[in-house]
Structures are given as structure tokens and as C-alpha cells.
Amino acid sequence: MKRSTSFGTIEKLIERNGEVVTELLYFEREGRGHAHDSWENCYILSGSGWIMVGEKKVAVRTGDVCCIPPQTNHWMIPESHLEILLVYSLKTGS
């Protein structure tokens, strides 16, 4: 189900045992800093912008991949828009 957020929209695509595995995000505005217990693999489907990974600012555009380690603060900053397929994997402590 697609829902509106502070940055644009988010849609859960795959959920397993109550945990989200894959999401589709559409950024119209800058997101907020957060972290996860698992790897976050970001596939840029369209648009361009930046992904803040800890203190590092990673430029991304259509076709790029950015992998964010567990427990790393991160957020997305679209240039005009940024559509990202997220796949979470290898939850720590599992």
C-alpha cells in the first residue's frame, strides 16, 4: 500500500515474517536521518540527488546502487525527484 510521507511517498512491496524486505520510495523533498538493523541496498530507478551515509555525501542518479551498512545514520536528498527501490538484507544479530 502506497502512503504519503514528509518526503514524498513510500510503498511496501515485500514483507516477510512481519518485516519489510522491499520498498519503493519517491522523494520530492529531503528525508530525515535514521538507521536500520540491516543493510539497506538502494537502487536508483529515476532521478538524481544525494544519499547521506554517515558523514559521506554520495551523488546518485538513475541506474546507480548505494549500499548502506547496518546502524549507519543516513537520509536522501533529491535534486528534483528521486525514485529508489530499497532492499533490506542480513539483519544484524540474526
PDB file of N, CA and C in Angstrom:
ATOM      1  N   MET A   1       0.834  -1.176   0.000  1.00  0.00           N
ATOM      2  CA  MET A   1       0.000   0.000   0.000  1.00  0.00           C
ATOM      3  C   MET A   1       0.885   1.248   0.000  1.00  0.00           C
ATOM      4  N   LYS A   2       0.624   2.166  -0.922  1.00  0.00           N
ATOM      5  CA  LYS A   2       1.365   3.420  -1.031  1.00  0.00           C
ATOM      6  C   LYS A   2       0.800   4.420  -0.033  1.00  0.00           C
ATOM      7  N   ARG A   3       1.717   5.161   0.640  1.00  0.00           N
ATOM      8  CA  ARG A   3       1.249   6.190   1.566  1.00  0.00           C
ATOM      9  C   ARG A   3       2.126   7.426   1.461  1.00  0.00           C
ATOM     10  N   SER A   4       1.549   8.562   1.794  1.00  0.00           N
ATOM     11  CA  SER A   4       2.284   9.829   1.779  1.00  0.00           C
ATOM     12  C   SER A   4       3.172   9.929   3.008  1.00  0.00           C
ATOM     13  N   THR A   5       4.318  10.612   2.836  1.00  0.00           N
ATOM     14  CA  THR A   5       5.269  10.819   3.926  1.00  0.00           C
ATOM     15  C   THR A   5       5.722  12.288   3.905  1.00  0.00           C
ATOM     16  N   SER A   6       6.596  12.639   4.831  1.00  0.00           N
ATOM     17  CA  SER A   6       7.137  14.002   4.869  1.00  0.00           C
ATOM     18  C   SER A   6       8.027  14.296   3.666  1.00  0.00           C
ATOM     19  N   PHE A   7       8.558  13.256   2.996  1.00  0.00           N
ATOM     20  CA  PHE A   7       9.462  13.456   1.865  1.00  0.00           C
ATOM     21  C   PHE A   7       8.827  13.173   0.510  1.00  0.00           C
ATOM     22  N   GLY A   8       7.690  12.486   0.472  1.00  0.00           N
ATOM     23  CA  GLY A   8       7.051  12.097  -0.782  1.00  0.00           C
ATOM     24  C   GLY A   8       6.106  10.939  -0.552  1.00  0.00           C
ATOM     25  N   THR A   9       6.427   9.748  -1.134  1.00  0.00           N
ATOM     26  CA  THR A   9       5.605   8.560  -0.909  1.00  0.00           C
ATOM     27  C   THR A   9       6.479   7.340  -0.658  1.00  0.00           C
ATOM     28  N   ILE A  10       5.869   6.355  -0.011  1.00  0.00           N
ATOM     29  CA  ILE A  10       6.538   5.085   0.259  1.00  0.00           C
ATOM     30  C   ILE A  10       5.523   3.970   0.029  1.00  0.00           C
ATOM     31  N   GLU A  11       5.996   2.868  -0.540  1.00  0.00           N
ATOM     32  CA  GLU A  11       5.131   1.721  -0.791  1.00  0.00           C
ATOM     33  C   GLU A  11       5.872   0.453  -0.404  1.00  0.00           C
ATOM     34  N   LYS A  12       5.306  -0.321   0.529  1.00  0.00           N
ATOM     35  CA  LYS A  12       5.880  -1.618   0.903  1.00  0.00           C
ATOM     36  C   LYS A  12       5.552  -2.596  -0.210  1.00  0.00           C
ATOM     37  N   LEU A  13       6.571  -3.262  -0.749  1.00  0.00           N
ATOM     38  CA  LEU A  13       6.360  -4.213  -1.837  1.00  0.00           C
ATOM     39  C   LEU A  13       6.400  -5.654  -1.348  1.00  0.00           C
ATOM     40  N   ILE A  14       7.373  -5.976  -0.483  1.00  0.00           N
ATOM     41  CA  ILE A  14       7.514  -7.336   0.030  1.00  0.00           C
ATOM     42  C   ILE A  14       7.729  -7.273   1.537  1.00  0.00           C
ATOM     43  N   GLU A  15       6.965  -8.098   2.241  1.00  0.00           N
ATOM     44  CA  GLU A  15       7.101  -8.207   3.691  1.00  0.00           C
ATOM     45  C   GLU A  15       7.233  -9.695   4.015  1.00  0.00           C
ATOM     46  N   ARG A  16       8.148 -10.045   4.920  1.00  0.00           N
ATOM     47  CA  ARG A  16       8.351 -11.441   5.301  1.00  0.00           C
ATOM     48  C   ARG A  16       8.401 -11.532   6.819  1.00  0.00           C
ATOM     49  N   ASN A  17       7.577 -12.374   7.396  1.00  0.00           N
ATOM     50  CA  ASN A  17       7.526 -12.555   8.855  1.00  0.00           C
ATOM     51  C   ASN A  17       7.374 -11.228   9.588  1.00  0.00           C
ATOM     52  N   GLY A  18       6.545 -10.349   9.049  1.00  0.00           N
ATOM     53  CA  GLY A  18       6.275  -9.075   9.691  1.00  0.00           C
ATOM     54  C   GLY A  18       7.326  -7.996   9.482  1.00  0.00           C
ATOM     55  N   GLU A  19       8.371  -8.304   8.720  1.00  0.00           N
ATOM     56  CA  GLU A  19       9.423  -7.312   8.461  1.00  0.00           C
ATOM     57  C   GLU A  19       9.451  -6.945   6.987  1.00  0.00           C
ATOM     58  N   VAL A  20       9.631  -5.651   6.725  1.00  0.00           N
ATOM     59  CA  VAL A  20       9.696  -5.164   5.342  1.00  0.00           C
ATOM     60  C   VAL A  20      11.010  -5.620   4.714  1.00  0.00           C
ATOM     61  N   VAL A  21      10.922  -6.187   3.512  1.00  0.00           N
ATOM     62  CA  VAL A  21      12.100  -6.634   2.768  1.00  0.00           C
ATOM     63  C   VAL A  21      12.398  -5.669   1.619  1.00  0.00           C
ATOM     64  N   THR A  22      11.334  -5.184   0.960  1.00  0.00           N
ATOM     65  CA  THR A  22      11.493  -4.313  -0.203  1.00  0.00           C
ATOM     66  C   THR A  22      10.457  -3.185  -0.157  1.00  0.00           C
ATOM     67  N   GLU A  23      10.929  -1.959  -0.459  1.00  0.00           N
ATOM     68  CA  GLU A  23      10.055  -0.787  -0.501  1.00  0.00           C
ATOM     69  C   GLU A  23      10.386   0.047  -1.727  1.00  0.00           C
ATOM     70  N   LEU A  24       9.403   0.799  -2.183  1.00  0.00           N
ATOM     71  CA  LEU A  24       9.594   1.753  -3.268  1.00  0.00           C
ATOM     72  C   LEU A  24       9.357   3.138  -2.693  1.00  0.00           C
ATOM     73  N   LEU A  25      10.361   4.006  -2.779  1.00  0.00           N
ATOM     74  CA  LEU A  25      10.262   5.356  -2.229  1.00  0.00           C
ATOM     75  C   LEU A  25      10.380   6.377  -3.344  1.00  0.00           C
ATOM     76  N   TYR A  26       9.606   7.442  -3.228  1.00  0.00           N
ATOM     77  CA  TYR A  26       9.664   8.541  -4.176  1.00  0.00           C
ATOM     78  C   TYR A  26       9.885   9.811  -3.375  1.00  0.00           C
ATOM     79  N   PHE A  27      11.067  10.410  -3.548  1.00  0.00           N
ATOM     80  CA  PHE A  27      11.435  11.617  -2.810  1.00  0.00           C
ATOM     81  C   PHE A  27      11.169  12.860  -3.637  1.00  0.00           C
ATOM     82  N   GLU A  28      10.374  13.767  -3.072  1.00  0.00           N
ATOM     83  CA  GLU A  28      10.153  15.095  -3.646  1.00  0.00           C
ATOM     84  C   GLU A  28      10.883  16.140  -2.806  1.00  0.00           C
ATOM     85  N   ARG A  29      11.154  15.768  -1.553  1.00  0.00           N
ATOM     86  CA  ARG A  29      11.839  16.638  -0.588  1.00  0.00           C
ATOM     87  C   ARG A  29      12.867  15.813   0.177  1.00  0.00           C
ATOM     88  N   GLU A  30      13.759  16.494   0.858  1.00  0.00           N
ATOM     89  CA  GLU A  30      14.797  15.831   1.654  1.00  0.00           C
ATOM     90  C   GLU A  30      14.171  14.992   2.764  1.00  0.00           C
ATOM     91  N   GLY A  31      14.718  13.788   2.932  1.00  0.00           N
ATOM     92  CA  GLY A  31      14.269  12.901   4.007  1.00  0.00           C
ATOM     93  C   GLY A  31      14.915  13.298   5.331  1.00  0.00           C
ATOM     94  N   ARG A  32      14.711  12.485   6.350  1.00  0.00           N
ATOM     95  CA  ARG A  32      15.302  12.748   7.664  1.00  0.00           C
ATOM     96  C   ARG A  32      16.257  11.620   8.031  1.00  0.00           C
ATOM     97  N   GLY A  33      17.231  11.938   8.871  1.00  0.00           N
ATOM     98  CA  GLY A  33      18.217  10.947   9.279  1.00  0.00           C
ATOM     99  C   GLY A  33      17.596   9.817  10.081  1.00  0.00           C
ATOM    100  N   HIS A  34      18.057   8.587   9.793  1.00  0.00           N
ATOM    101  CA  HIS A  34      17.597   7.400  10.518  1.00  0.00           C
ATOM    102  C   HIS A  34      18.594   6.274  10.268  1.00  0.00           C
ATOM    103  N   ALA A  35      18.438   5.161  10.964  1.00  0.00           N
ATOM    104  CA  ALA A  35      19.310   3.993  10.796  1.00  0.00           C
ATOM    105  C   ALA A  35      18.464   2.723  10.898  1.00  0.00           C
ATOM    106  N   HIS A  36      19.008   1.603  10.405  1.00  0.00           N
ATOM    107  CA  HIS A  36      18.327   0.306  10.435  1.00  0.00           C
ATOM    108  C   HIS A  36      19.261  -0.746  11.026  1.00  0.00           C
ATOM    109  N   ASP A  37      18.689  -1.891  11.408  1.00  0.00           N
ATOM    110  CA  ASP A  37      19.483  -3.012  11.910  1.00  0.00           C
ATOM    111  C   ASP A  37      20.009  -3.884  10.782  1.00  0.00           C
ATOM    112  N   SER A  38      19.624  -3.593   9.553  1.00  0.00           N
ATOM    113  CA  SER A  38      20.034  -4.415   8.415  1.00  0.00           C
ATOM    114  C   SER A  38      20.684  -3.536   7.345  1.00  0.00           C
ATOM    115  N   TRP A  39      21.324  -4.193   6.366  1.00  0.00           N
ATOM    116  CA  TRP A  39      21.841  -3.472   5.210  1.00  0.00           C
ATOM    117  C   TRP A  39      20.667  -2.886   4.445  1.00  0.00           C
ATOM    118  N   GLU A  40      20.839  -1.702   3.892  1.00  0.00           N
ATOM    119  CA  GLU A  40      19.835  -1.078   3.038  1.00  0.00           C
ATOM    120  C   GLU A  40      20.471  -0.893   1.671  1.00  0.00           C
ATOM    121  N   ASN A  41      19.993  -1.648   0.705  1.00  0.00           N
ATOM    122  CA  ASN A  41      20.528  -1.599  -0.648  1.00  0.00           C
ATOM    123  C   ASN A  41      19.606  -0.738  -1.487  1.00  0.00           C
ATOM    124  N   CYS A  42      20.124   0.369  -1.997  1.00  0.00           N
ATOM    125  CA  CYS A  42      19.337   1.375  -2.710  1.00  0.00           C
ATOM    126  C   CYS A  42      19.607   1.289  -4.206  1.00  0.00           C
ATOM    127  N   TYR A  43      18.566   1.049  -4.987  1.00  0.00           N
ATOM    128  CA  TYR A  43      18.661   1.007  -6.436  1.00  0.00           C
ATOM    129  C   TYR A  43      17.930   2.237  -6.973  1.00  0.00           C
ATOM    130  N   ILE A  44      18.652   3.122  -7.635  1.00  0.00           N
ATOM    131  CA  ILE A  44      18.066   4.368  -8.116  1.00  0.00           C
ATOM    132  C   ILE A  44      17.344   4.097  -9.434  1.00  0.00           C
ATOM    133  N   LEU A  45      16.009   4.176  -9.392  1.00  0.00           N
ATOM    134  CA  LEU A  45      15.190   3.890 -10.572  1.00  0.00           C
ATOM    135  C   LEU A  45      15.036   5.097 -11.481  1.00  0.00           C
ATOM    136  N   SER A  46      14.937   6.296 -10.888  1.00  0.00           N
ATOM    137  CA  SER A  46      14.862   7.512 -11.696  1.00  0.00           C
ATOM    138  C   SER A  46      15.246   8.708 -10.848  1.00  0.00           C
ATOM    139  N   GLY A  47      15.671   9.760 -11.541  1.00  0.00           N
ATOM    140  CA  GLY A  47      16.048  10.994 -10.865  1.00  0.00           C
ATOM    141  C   GLY A  47      17.509  11.026 -10.470  1.00  0.00           C
ATOM    142  N   SER A  48      17.832  12.025  -9.650  1.00  0.00           N
ATOM    143  CA  SER A  48      19.200  12.187  -9.165  1.00  0.00           C
ATOM    144  C   SER A  48      19.164  12.943  -7.848  1.00  0.00           C
ATOM    145  N   GLY A  49      20.275  12.887  -7.148  1.00  0.00           N
ATOM    146  CA  GLY A  49      20.392  13.571  -5.860  1.00  0.00           C
ATOM    147  C   GLY A  49      21.558  13.020  -5.080  1.00  0.00           C
ATOM    148  N   TRP A  50      21.390  12.967  -3.778  1.00  0.00           N
ATOM    149  CA  TRP A  50      22.461  12.529  -2.899  1.00  0.00           C
ATOM    150  C   TRP A  50      21.894  11.630  -1.814  1.00  0.00           C
ATOM    151  N   ILE A  51      22.712  10.696  -1.357  1.00  0.00           N
ATOM    152  CA  ILE A  51      22.395   9.898  -0.186  1.00  0.00           C
ATOM    153  C   ILE A  51      23.478  10.191   0.838  1.00  0.00           C
ATOM    154  N   MET A  52      23.069  10.684   1.980  1.00  0.00           N
ATOM    155  CA  MET A  52      23.997  10.928   3.076  1.00  0.00           C
ATOM    156  C   MET A  52      24.164   9.612   3.823  1.00  0.00           C
ATOM    157  N   VAL A  53      25.392   9.105   3.865  1.00  0.00           N
ATOM    158  CA  VAL A  53      25.703   7.847   4.536  1.00  0.00           C
ATOM    159  C   VAL A  53      26.715   8.181   5.629  1.00  0.00           C
ATOM    160  N   GLY A  54      26.230   8.333   6.847  1.00  0.00           N
ATOM    161  CA  GLY A  54      27.089   8.827   7.908  1.00  0.00           C
ATOM    162  C   GLY A  54      27.506  10.247   7.559  1.00  0.00           C
ATOM    163  N   GLU A  55      28.803  10.502   7.495  1.00  0.00           N
ATOM    164  CA  GLU A  55      29.331  11.830   7.154  1.00  0.00           C
ATOM    165  C   GLU A  55      29.596  11.992   5.655  1.00  0.00           C
ATOM    166  N   LYS A  56      29.372  10.913   4.889  1.00  0.00           N
ATOM    167  CA  LYS A  56      29.690  10.912   3.456  1.00  0.00           C
ATOM    168  C   LYS A  56      28.459  11.270   2.606  1.00  0.00           C
ATOM    169  N   LYS A  57      28.650  12.184   1.633  1.00  0.00           N
ATOM    170  CA  LYS A  57      27.583  12.587   0.712  1.00  0.00           C
ATOM    171  C   LYS A  57      27.831  11.879  -0.620  1.00  0.00           C
ATOM    172  N   VAL A  58      26.959  10.927  -0.967  1.00  0.00           N
ATOM    173  CA  VAL A  58      27.116  10.102  -2.168  1.00  0.00           C
ATOM    174  C   VAL A  58      26.166  10.614  -3.255  1.00  0.00           C
ATOM    175  N   ALA A  59      26.725  11.061  -4.380  1.00  0.00           N
ATOM    176  CA  ALA A  59      25.905  11.501  -5.520  1.00  0.00           C
ATOM    177  C   ALA A  59      25.341  10.262  -6.211  1.00  0.00           C
ATOM    178  N   VAL A  60      24.027  10.287  -6.521  1.00  0.00           N
ATOM    179  CA  VAL A  60      23.388   9.158  -7.197  1.00  0.00           C
ATOM    180  C   VAL A  60      22.504   9.675  -8.326  1.00  0.00           C
ATOM    181  N   ARG A  61      22.308   8.800  -9.332  1.00  0.00           N
ATOM    182  CA  ARG A  61      21.409   9.094 -10.445  1.00  0.00           C
ATOM    183  C   ARG A  61      20.861   7.779 -10.971  1.00  0.00           C
ATOM    184  N   THR A  62      19.942   7.849 -11.903  1.00  0.00           N
ATOM    185  CA  THR A  62      19.295   6.664 -12.457  1.00  0.00           C
ATOM    186  C   THR A  62      20.327   5.592 -12.800  1.00  0.00           C
ATOM    187  N   GLY A  63      20.089   4.353 -12.319  1.00  0.00           N
ATOM    188  CA  GLY A  63      20.966   3.216 -12.597  1.00  0.00           C
ATOM    189  C   GLY A  63      22.001   2.946 -11.522  1.00  0.00           C
ATOM    190  N   ASP A  64      22.212   3.875 -10.602  1.00  0.00           N
ATOM    191  CA  ASP A  64      23.210   3.683  -9.541  1.00  0.00           C
ATOM    192  C   ASP A  64      22.681   2.796  -8.424  1.00  0.00           C
ATOM    193  N   VAL A  65      23.629   2.248  -7.658  1.00  0.00           N
ATOM    194  CA  VAL A  65      23.338   1.454  -6.470  1.00  0.00           C
ATOM    195  C   VAL A  65      24.151   2.033  -5.329  1.00  0.00           C
ATOM    196  N   CYS A  66      23.547   2.124  -4.158  1.00  0.00           N
ATOM    197  CA  CYS A  66      24.239   2.584  -2.956  1.00  0.00           C
ATOM    198  C   CYS A  66      23.866   1.631  -1.826  1.00  0.00           C
ATOM    199  N   CYS A  67      24.855   1.054  -1.146  1.00  0.00           N
ATOM    200  CA  CYS A  67      24.608   0.120  -0.050  1.00  0.00           C
ATOM    201  C   CYS A  67      24.961   0.786   1.278  1.00  0.00           C
ATOM    202  N   ILE A  68      24.006   0.796   2.190  1.00  0.00           N
ATOM    203  CA  ILE A  68      24.167   1.460   3.478  1.00  0.00           C
ATOM    204  C   ILE A  68      24.300   0.391   4.563  1.00  0.00           C
ATOM    205  N   PRO A  69      25.421   0.397   5.299  1.00  0.00           N
ATOM    206  CA  PRO A  69      25.632  -0.613   6.353  1.00  0.00           C
ATOM    207  C   PRO A  69      24.636  -0.474   7.504  1.00  0.00           C
ATOM    208  N   PRO A  70      24.414  -1.563   8.248  1.00  0.00           N
ATOM    209  CA  PRO A  70      23.550  -1.511   9.426  1.00  0.00           C
ATOM    210  C   PRO A  70      24.037  -0.456  10.422  1.00  0.00           C
ATOM    211  N   GLN A  71      23.100   0.112  11.153  1.00  0.00           N
ATOM    212  CA  GLN A  71      23.373   1.080  12.221  1.00  0.00           C
ATOM    213  C   GLN A  71      24.103   2.334  11.737  1.00  0.00           C
ATOM    214  N   THR A  72      23.926   2.700  10.468  1.00  0.00           N
ATOM    215  CA  THR A  72      24.555   3.895   9.912  1.00  0.00           C
ATOM    216  C   THR A  72      23.481   4.949   9.652  1.00  0.00           C
ATOM    217  N   ASN A  73      23.632   6.117  10.245  1.00  0.00           N
ATOM    218  CA  ASN A  73      22.676   7.189  10.014  1.00  0.00           C
ATOM    219  C   ASN A  73      22.727   7.594   8.535  1.00  0.00           C
ATOM    220  N   HIS A  74      21.560   7.767   7.928  1.00  0.00           N
ATOM    221  CA  HIS A  74      21.505   8.117   6.507  1.00  0.00           C
ATOM    222  C   HIS A  74      20.186   8.804   6.187  1.00  0.00           C
ATOM    223  N   TRP A  75      20.173   9.533   5.041  1.00  0.00           N
ATOM    224  CA  TRP A  75      18.960  10.138   4.509  1.00  0.00           C
ATOM    225  C   TRP A  75      19.192  10.497   3.053  1.00  0.00           C
ATOM    226  N   MET A  76      18.105  10.745   2.345  1.00  0.00           N
ATOM    227  CA  MET A  76      18.156  11.022   0.920  1.00  0.00           C
ATOM    228  C   MET A  76      17.801  12.482   0.644  1.00  0.00           C
ATOM    229  N   ILE A  77      18.481  13.055  -0.368  1.00  0.00           N
ATOM    230  CA  ILE A  77      18.243  14.431  -0.783  1.00  0.00           C
ATOM    231  C   ILE A  77      18.045  14.420  -2.301  1.00  0.00           C
ATOM    232  N   PRO A  78      16.807  14.626  -2.778  1.00  0.00           N
ATOM    233  CA  PRO A  78      16.586  14.629  -4.226  1.00  0.00           C
ATOM    234  C   PRO A  78      17.030  15.947  -4.855  1.00  0.00           C
ATOM    235  N   GLU A  79      17.489  15.855  -6.104  1.00  0.00           N
ATOM    236  CA  GLU A  79      17.789  17.088  -6.843  1.00  0.00           C
ATOM    237  C   GLU A  79      16.464  17.710  -7.288  1.00  0.00           C
ATOM    238  N   SER A  80      15.667  16.969  -8.040  1.00  0.00           N
ATOM    239  CA  SER A  80      14.298  17.397  -8.352  1.00  0.00           C
ATOM    240  C   SER A  80      13.339  16.314  -7.865  1.00  0.00           C
ATOM    241  N   HIS A  81      13.679  15.052  -8.157  1.00  0.00           N
ATOM    242  CA  HIS A  81      12.977  13.903  -7.591  1.00  0.00           C
ATOM    243  C   HIS A  81      13.962  12.744  -7.543  1.00  0.00           C
ATOM    244  N   LEU A  82      13.622  11.734  -6.778  1.00  0.00           N
ATOM    245  CA  LEU A  82      14.486  10.564  -6.618  1.00  0.00           C
ATOM    246  C   LEU A  82      13.587   9.374  -6.321  1.00  0.00           C
ATOM    247  N   GLU A  83      13.572   8.392  -7.219  1.00  0.00           N
ATOM    248  CA  GLU A  83      12.782   7.178  -7.029  1.00  0.00           C
ATOM    249  C   GLU A  83      13.742   6.041  -6.722  1.00  0.00           C
ATOM    250  N   ILE A  84      13.557   5.398  -5.574  1.00  0.00           N
ATOM    251  CA  ILE A  84      14.513   4.406  -5.096  1.00  0.00           C
ATOM    252  C   ILE A  84      13.799   3.114  -4.714  1.00  0.00           C
ATOM    253  N   LEU A  85      14.332   1.980  -5.193  1.00  0.00           N
ATOM    254  CA  LEU A  85      13.891   0.663  -4.747  1.00  0.00           C
ATOM    255  C   LEU A  85      14.837   0.259  -3.624  1.00  0.00           C
ATOM    256  N   LEU A  86      14.292  -0.010  -2.434  1.00  0.00           N
ATOM    257  CA  LEU A  86      15.102  -0.405  -1.286  1.00  0.00           C
ATOM    258  C   LEU A  86      14.929  -1.889  -1.027  1.00  0.00           C
ATOM    259  N   VAL A  87      16.042  -2.585  -0.799  1.00  0.00           N
ATOM    260  CA  VAL A  87      16.027  -3.992  -0.421  1.00  0.00           C
ATOM    261  C   VAL A  87      16.855  -4.121   0.855  1.00  0.00           C
ATOM    262  N   TYR A  88      16.214  -4.585   1.918  1.00  0.00           N
ATOM    263  CA  TYR A  88      16.898  -4.771   3.205  1.00  0.00           C
ATOM    264  C   TYR A  88      17.404  -6.201   3.286  1.00  0.00           C
ATOM    265  N   SER A  89      18.626  -6.384   3.815  1.00  0.00           N
ATOM    266  CA  SER A  89      19.191  -7.723   3.881  1.00  0.00           C
ATOM    267  C   SER A  89      20.124  -7.903   5.068  1.00  0.00           C
ATOM    268  N   LEU A  90      20.306  -9.165   5.467  1.00  0.00           N
ATOM    269  CA  LEU A  90      21.239  -9.560   6.523  1.00  0.00           C
ATOM    270  C   LEU A  90      21.112  -8.742   7.791  1.00  0.00           C
ATOM    271  N   LYS A  91      19.967  -8.857   8.420  1.00  0.00           N
ATOM    272  CA  LYS A  91      19.740  -8.151   9.666  1.00  0.00           C
ATOM    273  C   LYS A  91      20.780  -8.604  10.686  1.00  0.00           C
ATOM    274  N   THR A  92      21.387  -7.643  11.372  1.00  0.00           N
ATOM    275  CA  THR A  92      22.410  -7.984  12.352  1.00  0.00           C
ATOM    276  C   THR A  92      21.766  -8.704  13.532  1.00  0.00           C
ATOM    277  N   GLY A  93      22.511  -9.625  14.105  1.00  0.00           N
ATOM    278  CA  GLY A  93      22.019 -10.388  15.239  1.00  0.00           C
ATOM    279  C   GLY A  93      21.111 -11.543  14.846  1.00  0.00           C
ATOM    280  N   SER A  94      20.956 -11.792  13.551  1.00  0.00           N
ATOM    281  CA  SER A  94      20.078 -12.887  13.085  1.00  0.00           C
ATOM    282  C   SER A  94      20.887 -14.109  12.738  1.00  0.00           C
TER     283      SER A  94
END
